[in-house]
């Protein structure tokens, strides 16, 4: 039987089952996933939030193929208060460097949040700087290049302090605590992902 999971990947956990160093935490430390279940996509070690896992091999292609263009939504806490000009630059499709090549990002949806999203505290917390204001923005992408949100925010002058993916299409992180897993039926999983 094919299995489908969503996970709140905590900060400082690799999106894989094997350790690169003895000190690394991996997905295997969080939950006893069945054999042949693997992450669909990834989140960097210093990013948090929604990670999908399954043993449905066709799903991997359908979600990650750039031609499919599924929306992924992130909350980013950034250093400074982004201007309307910076937000418009994020929306328009910036040029960033990925693997030593220039990548022209697809247009995004980007907005400044009126209040911080309701999230559990990060462990460890981000470094507090008394004289440096921060803001939260939401960025929605239809692609998932390596460290793309961080590179885009840096390109407009607002480095990311904390990054949380909270949604892929209509499949949401919801109220999952960090490190916990929810199992889905195939029908509900596919419906939420618009597949």
Protein backbone atom coordinates (compact mmCIF):
# COMPACT_ATOMS: atom_id res chain seq x y z
CA UNK A 1 0.00 0.00 0.00
CA UNK A 2 1.34 3.44 -0.93
CA UNK A 3 1.91 5.80 2.01
CA UNK A 4 1.70 9.61 2.20
CA UNK A 5 3.03 11.84 4.98
CA UNK A 6 3.45 15.50 5.82
CA UNK A 7 6.07 16.54 8.37
CA UNK A 8 7.02 19.74 10.16
CA UNK A 9 10.77 19.59 9.56
CA UNK A 10 12.50 21.40 12.42
CA UNK A 11 15.51 23.67 12.11
CA UNK A 12 18.88 21.86 11.99
CA UNK A 13 17.49 18.60 10.56
CA UNK A 14 18.61 17.28 7.16
CA UNK A 15 15.87 16.43 4.63
CA UNK A 16 17.26 12.92 4.23
CA UNK A 17 17.70 9.67 6.16
CA UNK A 18 21.47 9.34 6.08
CA UNK A 19 23.90 11.41 8.16
CA UNK A 20 26.69 13.35 6.51
CA UNK A 21 28.39 13.85 9.88
CA UNK A 22 27.83 11.96 13.15
CA UNK A 23 26.37 15.09 14.76
CA UNK A 24 23.69 15.60 12.09
CA UNK A 25 20.02 15.01 12.81
CA UNK A 26 18.02 13.40 10.01
CA UNK A 27 14.43 12.42 9.24
CA UNK A 28 15.16 9.01 10.75
CA UNK A 29 15.54 10.74 14.14
CA UNK A 30 12.01 12.14 13.92
CA UNK A 31 9.76 9.22 12.97
CA UNK A 32 9.96 5.50 12.10
CA UNK A 33 8.99 5.94 8.44
CA UNK A 34 8.29 2.73 6.49
CA UNK A 35 10.94 1.41 4.08
CA UNK A 36 11.07 3.03 0.63
CA UNK A 37 9.43 6.27 1.86
CA UNK A 38 11.51 9.28 0.83
CA UNK A 39 11.14 13.06 0.91
CA UNK A 40 9.54 14.71 -2.09
CA UNK A 41 11.75 17.75 -2.53
CA UNK A 42 13.73 19.13 0.35
CA UNK A 43 14.23 21.94 2.80
CA UNK A 44 17.70 23.17 3.69
CA UNK A 45 19.06 22.25 7.10
CA UNK A 46 18.50 25.82 8.34
CA UNK A 47 14.93 26.01 6.98
CA UNK A 48 11.80 24.70 8.65
CA UNK A 49 8.31 23.65 7.81
CA UNK A 50 6.27 21.47 5.51
CA UNK A 51 8.05 18.49 4.01
CA UNK A 52 6.22 15.75 2.11
CA UNK A 53 7.25 12.10 2.09
CA UNK A 54 5.92 9.11 0.18
CA UNK A 55 6.79 5.90 -1.61
CA UNK A 56 4.67 7.02 -4.59
CA UNK A 57 7.36 7.41 -7.27
CA UNK A 58 5.04 9.13 -9.77
CA UNK A 59 4.24 11.83 -7.23
CA UNK A 60 7.88 12.91 -7.05
CA UNK A 61 7.89 13.77 -10.77
CA UNK A 62 4.47 15.42 -10.73
CA UNK A 63 5.37 17.76 -7.87
CA UNK A 64 8.98 18.58 -8.76
CA UNK A 65 8.84 18.89 -12.55
CA UNK A 66 9.24 22.64 -13.27
CA UNK A 67 6.61 22.36 -16.02
CA UNK A 68 3.95 21.46 -13.42
CA UNK A 69 4.32 24.78 -11.54
CA UNK A 70 2.83 24.01 -8.14
CA UNK A 71 2.60 26.92 -5.69
CA UNK A 72 4.75 26.70 -2.55
CA UNK A 73 4.30 29.32 0.18
CA UNK A 74 6.99 30.44 2.63
CA UNK A 75 7.10 32.78 5.59
CA UNK A 76 10.44 34.57 5.80
CA UNK A 77 11.59 36.68 8.71
CA UNK A 78 13.98 39.20 7.21
CA UNK A 79 16.42 41.72 8.57
CA UNK A 80 14.99 45.20 7.96
CA UNK A 81 11.59 46.33 6.66
CA UNK A 82 11.18 45.63 2.93
CA UNK A 83 10.01 48.56 0.85
CA UNK A 84 7.29 48.43 -1.80
CA UNK A 85 10.10 48.56 -4.39
CA UNK A 86 11.82 45.49 -2.87
CA UNK A 87 8.54 43.55 -2.76
CA UNK A 88 7.82 44.43 -6.39
CA UNK A 89 11.32 43.25 -7.35
CA UNK A 90 10.59 39.91 -5.64
CA UNK A 91 7.29 39.63 -7.53
CA UNK A 92 8.75 40.45 -10.93
CA UNK A 93 11.21 37.57 -11.19
CA UNK A 94 14.76 38.34 -10.10
CA UNK A 95 18.02 37.06 -11.48
CA UNK A 96 20.00 35.05 -8.91
CA UNK A 97 23.08 32.81 -9.01
CA UNK A 98 22.54 29.05 -8.65
CA UNK A 99 25.39 26.61 -9.15
CA UNK A 100 27.56 29.40 -10.60
CA UNK A 101 24.96 30.17 -13.28
CA UNK A 102 22.46 33.01 -13.58
CA UNK A 103 18.87 31.89 -13.03
CA UNK A 104 15.91 34.09 -13.96
CA UNK A 105 13.23 33.33 -11.35
CA UNK A 106 9.61 32.97 -12.37
CA UNK A 107 7.33 35.75 -11.09
CA UNK A 108 6.24 35.24 -7.48
CA UNK A 109 3.61 36.48 -5.08
CA UNK A 110 5.21 38.47 -2.27
CA UNK A 111 3.70 40.57 0.50
CA UNK A 112 4.65 42.10 3.82
CA UNK A 113 2.71 40.51 6.70
CA UNK A 114 0.94 42.81 9.14
CA UNK A 115 1.93 40.58 12.07
CA UNK A 116 4.29 37.64 12.58
CA UNK A 117 2.73 34.26 11.74
CA UNK A 118 1.79 32.03 14.65
CA UNK A 119 4.73 29.65 14.88
CA UNK A 120 6.45 27.69 17.63
CA UNK A 121 9.69 29.19 18.87
CA UNK A 122 12.73 28.07 16.95
CA UNK A 123 15.33 26.02 18.80
CA UNK A 124 17.81 27.66 18.94
CA UNK A 125 16.18 31.08 18.60
CA UNK A 126 17.42 33.51 15.97
CA UNK A 127 20.00 36.00 17.12
CA UNK A 128 18.26 39.10 18.50
CA UNK A 129 19.65 42.47 17.44
CA UNK A 130 18.22 45.34 19.44
CA UNK A 131 18.98 48.01 16.84
CA UNK A 132 17.98 46.03 13.76
CA UNK A 133 14.24 45.75 13.03
CA UNK A 134 12.85 42.64 11.39
CA UNK A 135 9.74 41.91 9.35
CA UNK A 136 7.87 38.87 8.08
CA UNK A 137 7.02 38.44 4.43
CA UNK A 138 5.16 35.71 2.59
CA UNK A 139 6.61 34.54 -0.71
CA UNK A 140 4.84 32.10 -3.01
CA UNK A 141 6.88 30.37 -5.72
CA UNK A 142 6.18 27.95 -8.53
CA UNK A 143 9.71 26.59 -8.56
CA UNK A 144 12.07 25.34 -5.89
CA UNK A 145 15.68 26.08 -6.71
CA UNK A 146 18.40 25.57 -4.10
CA UNK A 147 18.12 28.28 -1.41
CA UNK A 148 15.98 30.34 -3.78
CA UNK A 149 14.00 32.34 -1.22
CA UNK A 150 17.14 33.23 0.71
CA UNK A 151 18.96 34.29 -2.45
CA UNK A 152 16.01 36.35 -3.68
CA UNK A 153 15.63 38.19 -0.37
CA UNK A 154 19.38 38.84 -0.18
CA UNK A 155 19.29 40.20 -3.76
CA UNK A 156 16.84 42.93 -2.71
CA UNK A 157 18.82 43.73 0.46
CA UNK A 158 16.85 41.87 3.14
CA UNK A 159 18.68 38.77 4.43
CA UNK A 160 16.53 35.93 5.76
CA UNK A 161 16.78 35.17 9.48
CA UNK A 162 14.14 32.43 9.64
CA UNK A 163 12.40 30.57 6.82
CA UNK A 164 9.33 28.35 7.14
CA UNK A 165 7.48 26.63 4.28
CA UNK A 166 3.87 26.54 5.38
CA UNK A 167 1.97 25.38 2.29
CA UNK A 168 2.22 23.47 -0.98
CA UNK A 169 -0.91 24.19 -3.03
CA UNK A 170 -3.68 23.56 -0.43
CA UNK A 171 -1.71 21.14 1.72
CA UNK A 172 -0.84 23.15 4.82
CA UNK A 173 1.48 22.82 7.77
CA UNK A 174 -1.50 23.62 9.98
CA UNK A 175 -1.02 23.02 13.68
CA UNK A 176 1.62 20.29 13.42
CA UNK A 177 4.31 20.81 16.07
CA UNK A 178 7.94 20.68 14.88
CA UNK A 179 9.16 17.13 14.36
CA UNK A 180 5.70 15.59 14.07
CA UNK A 181 4.10 13.71 11.20
CA UNK A 182 0.61 13.40 9.75
CA UNK A 183 -0.35 10.48 7.51
CA UNK A 184 -2.78 11.09 4.65
CA UNK A 185 -4.98 8.99 2.42
CA UNK A 186 -3.99 9.06 -1.24
CA UNK A 187 -7.24 10.80 -2.19
CA UNK A 188 -6.87 13.59 0.38
CA UNK A 189 -3.17 14.07 -0.38
CA UNK A 190 -3.73 14.33 -4.13
CA UNK A 191 -6.74 16.61 -3.70
CA UNK A 192 -4.85 19.03 -1.45
CA UNK A 193 -1.96 19.12 -3.94
CA UNK A 194 -4.32 19.67 -6.94
CA UNK A 195 -3.15 16.49 -8.65
